[in-house]
Amino acid sequence: MDLKVNRQKFVFAGNIKFTKKELDFIVLSVNGNKYNDIGAKMFVSIKTIENYRDSIYEKLNINSREELVKFAIKAGIVDI
């Protein structure tokens, strides 16, 4: 029996650690995708997308997509 181990990859933006899925969410969100579309592209439920959003907002101490866009540009995650 061959067991697969799922090892979550982490990415740093500055000194903030994000999971690869959180980073994918940031890129898709900042590029104007709606949460339902992000879920479809990432093959996860809307609830999972909301969990990614909540986790990211907590890590960054932000409350809106606009603040997320500002962070992503400043951190070099996306270009203008």
PDB file of N, CA and C in Angstrom:
ATOM      1  N   MET A   1       0.855  -1.184   0.000  1.00  0.00           N
ATOM      2  CA  MET A   1       0.000   0.000   0.000  1.00  0.00           C
ATOM      3  C   MET A   1       0.889   1.232   0.000  1.00  0.00           C
ATOM      4  N   ASP A   2       0.634   2.103  -0.968  1.00  0.00           N
ATOM      5  CA  ASP A   2       1.409   3.324  -1.109  1.00  0.00           C
ATOM      6  C   ASP A   2       0.621   4.481  -0.511  1.00  0.00           C
ATOM      7  N   LEU A   3       1.130   5.085   0.548  1.00  0.00           N
ATOM      8  CA  LEU A   3       0.453   6.206   1.189  1.00  0.00           C
ATOM      9  C   LEU A   3       1.022   7.513   0.678  1.00  0.00           C
ATOM     10  N   LYS A   4       0.134   8.421   0.311  1.00  0.00           N
ATOM     11  CA  LYS A   4       0.562   9.743  -0.117  1.00  0.00           C
ATOM     12  C   LYS A   4       0.492  10.687   1.071  1.00  0.00           C
ATOM     13  N   VAL A   5       1.514  11.483   1.232  1.00  0.00           N
ATOM     14  CA  VAL A   5       1.547  12.460   2.308  1.00  0.00           C
ATOM     15  C   VAL A   5       1.320  13.833   1.692  1.00  0.00           C
ATOM     16  N   ASN A   6       0.310  14.520   2.184  1.00  0.00           N
ATOM     17  CA  ASN A   6       0.023  15.865   1.694  1.00  0.00           C
ATOM     18  C   ASN A   6       0.803  16.863   2.535  1.00  0.00           C
ATOM     19  N   ARG A   7       1.821  17.437   1.961  1.00  0.00           N
ATOM     20  CA  ARG A   7       2.623  18.429   2.683  1.00  0.00           C
ATOM     21  C   ARG A   7       2.282  19.804   2.147  1.00  0.00           C
ATOM     22  N   GLN A   8       1.692  20.613   3.003  1.00  0.00           N
ATOM     23  CA  GLN A   8       1.286  21.964   2.617  1.00  0.00           C
ATOM     24  C   GLN A   8       2.525  22.816   2.405  1.00  0.00           C
ATOM     25  N   LYS A   9       2.596  23.476   1.269  1.00  0.00           N
ATOM     26  CA  LYS A   9       3.708  24.375   0.979  1.00  0.00           C
ATOM     27  C   LYS A   9       3.373  25.753   1.523  1.00  0.00           C
ATOM     28  N   PHE A  10       4.371  26.436   2.015  1.00  0.00           N
ATOM     29  CA  PHE A  10       4.177  27.769   2.551  1.00  0.00           C
ATOM     30  C   PHE A  10       4.965  28.778   1.735  1.00  0.00           C
ATOM     31  N   VAL A  11       4.438  29.970   1.664  1.00  0.00           N
ATOM     32  CA  VAL A  11       5.045  31.060   0.918  1.00  0.00           C
ATOM     33  C   VAL A  11       5.103  32.269   1.845  1.00  0.00           C
ATOM     34  N   PHE A  12       6.194  33.001   1.793  1.00  0.00           N
ATOM     35  CA  PHE A  12       6.321  34.196   2.624  1.00  0.00           C
ATOM     36  C   PHE A  12       6.170  35.452   1.775  1.00  0.00           C
ATOM     37  N   ALA A  13       5.409  36.384   2.296  1.00  0.00           N
ATOM     38  CA  ALA A  13       5.328  37.725   1.722  1.00  0.00           C
ATOM     39  C   ALA A  13       5.811  38.641   2.834  1.00  0.00           C
ATOM     40  N   GLY A  14       7.032  39.105   2.690  1.00  0.00           N
ATOM     41  CA  GLY A  14       7.650  39.805   3.811  1.00  0.00           C
ATOM     42  C   GLY A  14       7.917  38.771   4.889  1.00  0.00           C
ATOM     43  N   ASN A  15       7.414  39.020   6.082  1.00  0.00           N
ATOM     44  CA  ASN A  15       7.581  38.039   7.161  1.00  0.00           C
ATOM     45  C   ASN A  15       6.265  37.343   7.495  1.00  0.00           C
ATOM     46  N   ILE A  16       5.278  37.445   6.598  1.00  0.00           N
ATOM     47  CA  ILE A  16       3.973  36.805   6.821  1.00  0.00           C
ATOM     48  C   ILE A  16       3.934  35.505   6.030  1.00  0.00           C
ATOM     49  N   LYS A  17       3.599  34.423   6.715  1.00  0.00           N
ATOM     50  CA  LYS A  17       3.576  33.111   6.099  1.00  0.00           C
ATOM     51  C   LYS A  17       2.168  32.785   5.610  1.00  0.00           C
ATOM     52  N   PHE A  18       2.049  32.455   4.321  1.00  0.00           N
ATOM     53  CA  PHE A  18       0.789  32.041   3.719  1.00  0.00           C
ATOM     54  C   PHE A  18       0.925  30.624   3.188  1.00  0.00           C
ATOM     55  N   THR A  19      -0.185  29.899   3.178  1.00  0.00           N
ATOM     56  CA  THR A  19      -0.178  28.616   2.487  1.00  0.00           C
ATOM     57  C   THR A  19      -0.223  28.903   0.992  1.00  0.00           C
ATOM     58  N   LYS A  20       0.151  27.928   0.200  1.00  0.00           N
ATOM     59  CA  LYS A  20       0.084  28.072  -1.258  1.00  0.00           C
ATOM     60  C   LYS A  20      -1.350  28.374  -1.678  1.00  0.00           C
ATOM     61  N   LYS A  21      -2.327  27.738  -1.059  1.00  0.00           N
ATOM     62  CA  LYS A  21      -3.744  27.976  -1.386  1.00  0.00           C
ATOM     63  C   LYS A  21      -4.158  29.404  -1.040  1.00  0.00           C
ATOM     64  N   GLU A  22      -3.682  29.924   0.079  1.00  0.00           N
ATOM     65  CA  GLU A  22      -3.990  31.313   0.442  1.00  0.00           C
ATOM     66  C   GLU A  22      -3.403  32.273  -0.585  1.00  0.00           C
ATOM     67  N   LEU A  23      -2.186  31.990  -1.026  1.00  0.00           N
ATOM     68  CA  LEU A  23      -1.563  32.845  -2.033  1.00  0.00           C
ATOM     69  C   LEU A  23      -2.342  32.780  -3.345  1.00  0.00           C
ATOM     70  N   ASP A  24      -2.780  31.579  -3.726  1.00  0.00           N
ATOM     71  CA  ASP A  24      -3.613  31.438  -4.926  1.00  0.00           C
ATOM     72  C   ASP A  24      -4.887  32.269  -4.777  1.00  0.00           C
ATOM     73  N   PHE A  25      -5.499  32.212  -3.598  1.00  0.00           N
ATOM     74  CA  PHE A  25      -6.708  32.999  -3.346  1.00  0.00           C
ATOM     75  C   PHE A  25      -6.413  34.488  -3.507  1.00  0.00           C
ATOM     76  N   ILE A  26      -5.308  34.954  -2.952  1.00  0.00           N
ATOM     77  CA  ILE A  26      -4.963  36.377  -3.037  1.00  0.00           C
ATOM     78  C   ILE A  26      -4.866  36.799  -4.505  1.00  0.00           C
ATOM     79  N   VAL A  27      -4.144  36.042  -5.296  1.00  0.00           N
ATOM     80  CA  VAL A  27      -3.955  36.395  -6.706  1.00  0.00           C
ATOM     81  C   VAL A  27      -5.291  36.428  -7.435  1.00  0.00           C
ATOM     82  N   LEU A  28      -6.110  35.401  -7.239  1.00  0.00           N
ATOM     83  CA  LEU A  28      -7.410  35.353  -7.920  1.00  0.00           C
ATOM     84  C   LEU A  28      -8.335  36.461  -7.436  1.00  0.00           C
ATOM     85  N   SER A  29      -8.306  36.744  -6.156  1.00  0.00           N
ATOM     86  CA  SER A  29      -9.168  37.770  -5.581  1.00  0.00           C
ATOM     87  C   SER A  29      -8.778  39.152  -6.058  1.00  0.00           C
ATOM     88  N   VAL A  30      -7.492  39.430  -6.047  1.00  0.00           N
ATOM     89  CA  VAL A  30      -6.997  40.735  -6.450  1.00  0.00           C
ATOM     90  C   VAL A  30      -7.259  40.986  -7.933  1.00  0.00           C
ATOM     91  N   ASN A  31      -7.310  39.924  -8.719  1.00  0.00           N
ATOM     92  CA  ASN A  31      -7.569  40.057 -10.146  1.00  0.00           C
ATOM     93  C   ASN A  31      -9.051  40.170 -10.474  1.00  0.00           C
ATOM     94  N   GLY A  32      -9.895  40.394  -9.453  1.00  0.00           N
ATOM     95  CA  GLY A  32     -11.298  40.713  -9.669  1.00  0.00           C
ATOM     96  C   GLY A  32     -12.260  39.554  -9.752  1.00  0.00           C
ATOM     97  N   ASN A  33     -11.808  38.352  -9.465  1.00  0.00           N
ATOM     98  CA  ASN A  33     -12.707  37.199  -9.501  1.00  0.00           C
ATOM     99  C   ASN A  33     -13.668  37.216  -8.324  1.00  0.00           C
ATOM    100  N   LYS A  34     -14.890  36.791  -8.560  1.00  0.00           N
ATOM    101  CA  LYS A  34     -15.864  36.648  -7.480  1.00  0.00           C
ATOM    102  C   LYS A  34     -15.553  35.367  -6.721  1.00  0.00           C
ATOM    103  N   TYR A  35     -15.990  35.317  -5.472  1.00  0.00           N
ATOM    104  CA  TYR A  35     -15.665  34.165  -4.626  1.00  0.00           C
ATOM    105  C   TYR A  35     -16.161  32.851  -5.217  1.00  0.00           C
ATOM    106  N   ASN A  36     -17.335  32.835  -5.829  1.00  0.00           N
ATOM    107  CA  ASN A  36     -17.825  31.602  -6.468  1.00  0.00           C
ATOM    108  C   ASN A  36     -16.895  31.163  -7.588  1.00  0.00           C
ATOM    109  N   ASP A  37     -16.394  32.126  -8.368  1.00  0.00           N
ATOM    110  CA  ASP A  37     -15.469  31.815  -9.459  1.00  0.00           C
ATOM    111  C   ASP A  37     -14.127  31.315  -8.914  1.00  0.00           C
ATOM    112  N   ILE A  38     -13.670  31.931  -7.834  1.00  0.00           N
ATOM    113  CA  ILE A  38     -12.413  31.493  -7.215  1.00  0.00           C
ATOM    114  C   ILE A  38     -12.558  30.047  -6.739  1.00  0.00           C
ATOM    115  N   GLY A  39     -13.674  29.743  -6.091  1.00  0.00           N
ATOM    116  CA  GLY A  39     -13.919  28.373  -5.633  1.00  0.00           C
ATOM    117  C   GLY A  39     -13.899  27.380  -6.779  1.00  0.00           C
ATOM    118  N   ALA A  40     -14.529  27.749  -7.890  1.00  0.00           N
ATOM    119  CA  ALA A  40     -14.564  26.859  -9.061  1.00  0.00           C
ATOM    120  C   ALA A  40     -13.158  26.658  -9.626  1.00  0.00           C
ATOM    121  N   LYS A  41     -12.365  27.723  -9.689  1.00  0.00           N
ATOM    122  CA  LYS A  41     -11.004  27.628 -10.230  1.00  0.00           C
ATOM    123  C   LYS A  41     -10.077  26.838  -9.318  1.00  0.00           C
ATOM    124  N   MET A  42     -10.340  26.919  -8.006  1.00  0.00           N
ATOM    125  CA  MET A  42      -9.491  26.215  -7.045  1.00  0.00           C
ATOM    126  C   MET A  42     -10.063  24.843  -6.676  1.00  0.00           C
ATOM    127  N   PHE A  43     -11.247  24.521  -7.208  1.00  0.00           N
ATOM    128  CA  PHE A  43     -11.910  23.240  -6.942  1.00  0.00           C
ATOM    129  C   PHE A  43     -12.226  23.031  -5.467  1.00  0.00           C
ATOM    130  N   VAL A  44     -12.710  24.102  -4.818  1.00  0.00           N
ATOM    131  CA  VAL A  44     -13.110  24.024  -3.415  1.00  0.00           C
ATOM    132  C   VAL A  44     -14.457  24.730  -3.242  1.00  0.00           C
ATOM    133  N   SER A  45     -15.084  24.505  -2.102  1.00  0.00           N
ATOM    134  CA  SER A  45     -16.397  25.099  -1.826  1.00  0.00           C
ATOM    135  C   SER A  45     -16.267  26.575  -1.466  1.00  0.00           C
ATOM    136  N   ILE A  46     -17.388  27.274  -1.537  1.00  0.00           N
ATOM    137  CA  ILE A  46     -17.420  28.686  -1.157  1.00  0.00           C
ATOM    138  C   ILE A  46     -17.039  28.845   0.317  1.00  0.00           C
ATOM    139  N   LYS A  47     -17.393  27.884   1.152  1.00  0.00           N
ATOM    140  CA  LYS A  47     -17.042  27.929   2.577  1.00  0.00           C
ATOM    141  C   LYS A  47     -15.518  27.888   2.754  1.00  0.00           C
ATOM    142  N   THR A  48     -14.859  27.059   1.966  1.00  0.00           N
ATOM    143  CA  THR A  48     -13.401  26.982   2.031  1.00  0.00           C
ATOM    144  C   THR A  48     -12.786  28.299   1.584  1.00  0.00           C
ATOM    145  N   ILE A  49     -13.350  28.902   0.545  1.00  0.00           N
ATOM    146  CA  ILE A  49     -12.878  30.209   0.080  1.00  0.00           C
ATOM    147  C   ILE A  49     -13.046  31.246   1.183  1.00  0.00           C
ATOM    148  N   GLU A  50     -14.184  31.226   1.855  1.00  0.00           N
ATOM    149  CA  GLU A  50     -14.413  32.166   2.962  1.00  0.00           C
ATOM    150  C   GLU A  50     -13.409  31.934   4.084  1.00  0.00           C
ATOM    151  N   ASN A  51     -13.048  30.676   4.336  1.00  0.00           N
ATOM    152  CA  ASN A  51     -12.039  30.376   5.354  1.00  0.00           C
ATOM    153  C   ASN A  51     -10.672  30.924   4.958  1.00  0.00           C
ATOM    154  N   TYR A  52     -10.298  30.773   3.664  1.00  0.00           N
ATOM    155  CA  TYR A  52      -9.040  31.352   3.192  1.00  0.00           C
ATOM    156  C   TYR A  52      -9.051  32.860   3.401  1.00  0.00           C
ATOM    157  N   ARG A  53     -10.148  33.498   2.987  1.00  0.00           N
ATOM    158  CA  ARG A  53     -10.273  34.952   3.120  1.00  0.00           C
ATOM    159  C   ARG A  53     -10.122  35.365   4.579  1.00  0.00           C
ATOM    160  N   ASP A  54     -10.860  34.700   5.467  1.00  0.00           N
ATOM    161  CA  ASP A  54     -10.809  35.066   6.887  1.00  0.00           C
ATOM    162  C   ASP A  54      -9.413  34.891   7.466  1.00  0.00           C
ATOM    163  N   SER A  55      -8.741  33.822   7.097  1.00  0.00           N
ATOM    164  CA  SER A  55      -7.394  33.567   7.591  1.00  0.00           C
ATOM    165  C   SER A  55      -6.419  34.645   7.110  1.00  0.00           C
ATOM    166  N   ILE A  56      -6.522  34.998   5.838  1.00  0.00           N
ATOM    167  CA  ILE A  56      -5.644  36.033   5.268  1.00  0.00           C
ATOM    168  C   ILE A  56      -5.920  37.382   5.910  1.00  0.00           C
ATOM    169  N   TYR A  57      -7.188  37.738   6.021  1.00  0.00           N
ATOM    170  CA  TYR A  57      -7.542  39.024   6.626  1.00  0.00           C
ATOM    171  C   TYR A  57      -7.036  39.104   8.058  1.00  0.00           C
ATOM    172  N   GLU A  58      -7.111  37.996   8.786  1.00  0.00           N
ATOM    173  CA  GLU A  58      -6.622  37.983  10.168  1.00  0.00           C
ATOM    174  C   GLU A  58      -5.105  38.154  10.208  1.00  0.00           C
ATOM    175  N   LYS A  59      -4.397  37.420   9.344  1.00  0.00           N
ATOM    176  CA  LYS A  59      -2.938  37.528   9.314  1.00  0.00           C
ATOM    177  C   LYS A  59      -2.485  38.948   8.984  1.00  0.00           C
ATOM    178  N   LEU A  60      -3.232  39.618   8.093  1.00  0.00           N
ATOM    179  CA  LEU A  60      -2.848  40.951   7.656  1.00  0.00           C
ATOM    180  C   LEU A  60      -3.498  42.065   8.460  1.00  0.00           C
ATOM    181  N   ASN A  61      -4.431  41.682   9.337  1.00  0.00           N
ATOM    182  CA  ASN A  61      -5.176  42.654  10.132  1.00  0.00           C
ATOM    183  C   ASN A  61      -5.876  43.674   9.226  1.00  0.00           C
ATOM    184  N   ILE A  62      -6.608  43.125   8.245  1.00  0.00           N
ATOM    185  CA  ILE A  62      -7.361  43.960   7.302  1.00  0.00           C
ATOM    186  C   ILE A  62      -8.820  43.524   7.302  1.00  0.00           C
ATOM    187  N   ASN A  63      -9.677  44.315   6.629  1.00  0.00           N
ATOM    188  CA  ASN A  63     -11.108  44.020   6.623  1.00  0.00           C
ATOM    189  C   ASN A  63     -11.760  44.137   5.256  1.00  0.00           C
ATOM    190  N   SER A  64     -10.982  44.358   4.191  1.00  0.00           N
ATOM    191  CA  SER A  64     -11.623  44.547   2.897  1.00  0.00           C
ATOM    192  C   SER A  64     -10.725  44.074   1.753  1.00  0.00           C
ATOM    193  N   ARG A  65     -11.365  43.849   0.613  1.00  0.00           N
ATOM    194  CA  ARG A  65     -10.627  43.446  -0.575  1.00  0.00           C
ATOM    195  C   ARG A  65      -9.702  44.575  -1.038  1.00  0.00           C
ATOM    196  N   GLU A  66     -10.128  45.822  -0.863  1.00  0.00           N
ATOM    197  CA  GLU A  66      -9.285  46.950  -1.251  1.00  0.00           C
ATOM    198  C   GLU A  66      -7.956  46.930  -0.491  1.00  0.00           C
ATOM    199  N   GLU A  67      -8.024  46.638   0.796  1.00  0.00           N
ATOM    200  CA  GLU A  67      -6.802  46.553   1.596  1.00  0.00           C
ATOM    201  C   GLU A  67      -5.950  45.375   1.142  1.00  0.00           C
ATOM    202  N   LEU A  68      -6.603  44.290   0.735  1.00  0.00           N
ATOM    203  CA  LEU A  68      -5.882  43.127   0.226  1.00  0.00           C
ATOM    204  C   LEU A  68      -5.148  43.479  -1.066  1.00  0.00           C
ATOM    205  N   VAL A  69      -5.796  44.229  -1.934  1.00  0.00           N
ATOM    206  CA  VAL A  69      -5.165  44.672  -3.179  1.00  0.00           C
ATOM    207  C   VAL A  69      -3.933  45.520  -2.875  1.00  0.00           C
ATOM    208  N   LYS A  70      -4.061  46.469  -1.961  1.00  0.00           N
ATOM    209  CA  LYS A  70      -2.931  47.320  -1.584  1.00  0.00           C
ATOM    210  C   LYS A  70      -1.768  46.476  -1.062  1.00  0.00           C
ATOM    211  N   PHE A  71      -2.083  45.502  -0.208  1.00  0.00           N
ATOM    212  CA  PHE A  71      -1.034  44.631   0.327  1.00  0.00           C
ATOM    213  C   PHE A  71      -0.365  43.843  -0.792  1.00  0.00           C
ATOM    214  N   ALA A  72      -1.162  43.249  -1.689  1.00  0.00           N
ATOM    215  CA  ALA A  72      -0.622  42.407  -2.752  1.00  0.00           C
ATOM    216  C   ALA A  72       0.293  43.191  -3.678  1.00  0.00           C
ATOM    217  N   ILE A  73      -0.061  44.429  -3.965  1.00  0.00           N
ATOM    218  CA  ILE A  73       0.787  45.278  -4.821  1.00  0.00           C
ATOM    219  C   ILE A  73       2.073  45.632  -4.083  1.00  0.00           C
ATOM    220  N   LYS A  74       1.935  46.071  -2.837  1.00  0.00           N
ATOM    221  CA  LYS A  74       3.105  46.468  -2.048  1.00  0.00           C
ATOM    222  C   LYS A  74       4.078  45.305  -1.830  1.00  0.00           C
ATOM    223  N   ALA A  75       3.525  44.094  -1.624  1.00  0.00           N
ATOM    224  CA  ALA A  75       4.348  42.920  -1.375  1.00  0.00           C
ATOM    225  C   ALA A  75       4.910  42.313  -2.656  1.00  0.00           C
ATOM    226  N   GLY A  76       4.461  42.829  -3.816  1.00  0.00           N
ATOM    227  CA  GLY A  76       4.967  42.310  -5.084  1.00  0.00           C
ATOM    228  C   GLY A  76       4.316  41.012  -5.518  1.00  0.00           C
ATOM    229  N   ILE A  77       3.166  40.686  -4.927  1.00  0.00           N
ATOM    230  CA  ILE A  77       2.462  39.454  -5.299  1.00  0.00           C
ATOM    231  C   ILE A  77       1.820  39.621  -6.663  1.00  0.00           C
ATOM    232  N   VAL A  78       1.318  40.815  -6.948  1.00  0.00           N
ATOM    233  CA  VAL A  78       0.730  41.128  -8.259  1.00  0.00           C
ATOM    234  C   VAL A  78       1.289  42.460  -8.745  1.00  0.00           C
ATOM    235  N   ASP A  79       1.215  42.662 -10.049  1.00  0.00           N
ATOM    236  CA  ASP A  79       1.614  43.933 -10.650  1.00  0.00           C
ATOM    237  C   ASP A  79       0.370  44.766 -10.889  1.00  0.00           C
ATOM    238  N   ILE A  80       0.570  46.052 -11.015  1.00  0.00           N
ATOM    239  CA  ILE A  80      -0.549  46.958 -11.304  1.00  0.00           C
ATOM    240  C   ILE A  80      -0.944  46.807 -12.752  1.00  0.00           C
TER     241      ILE A  80
END
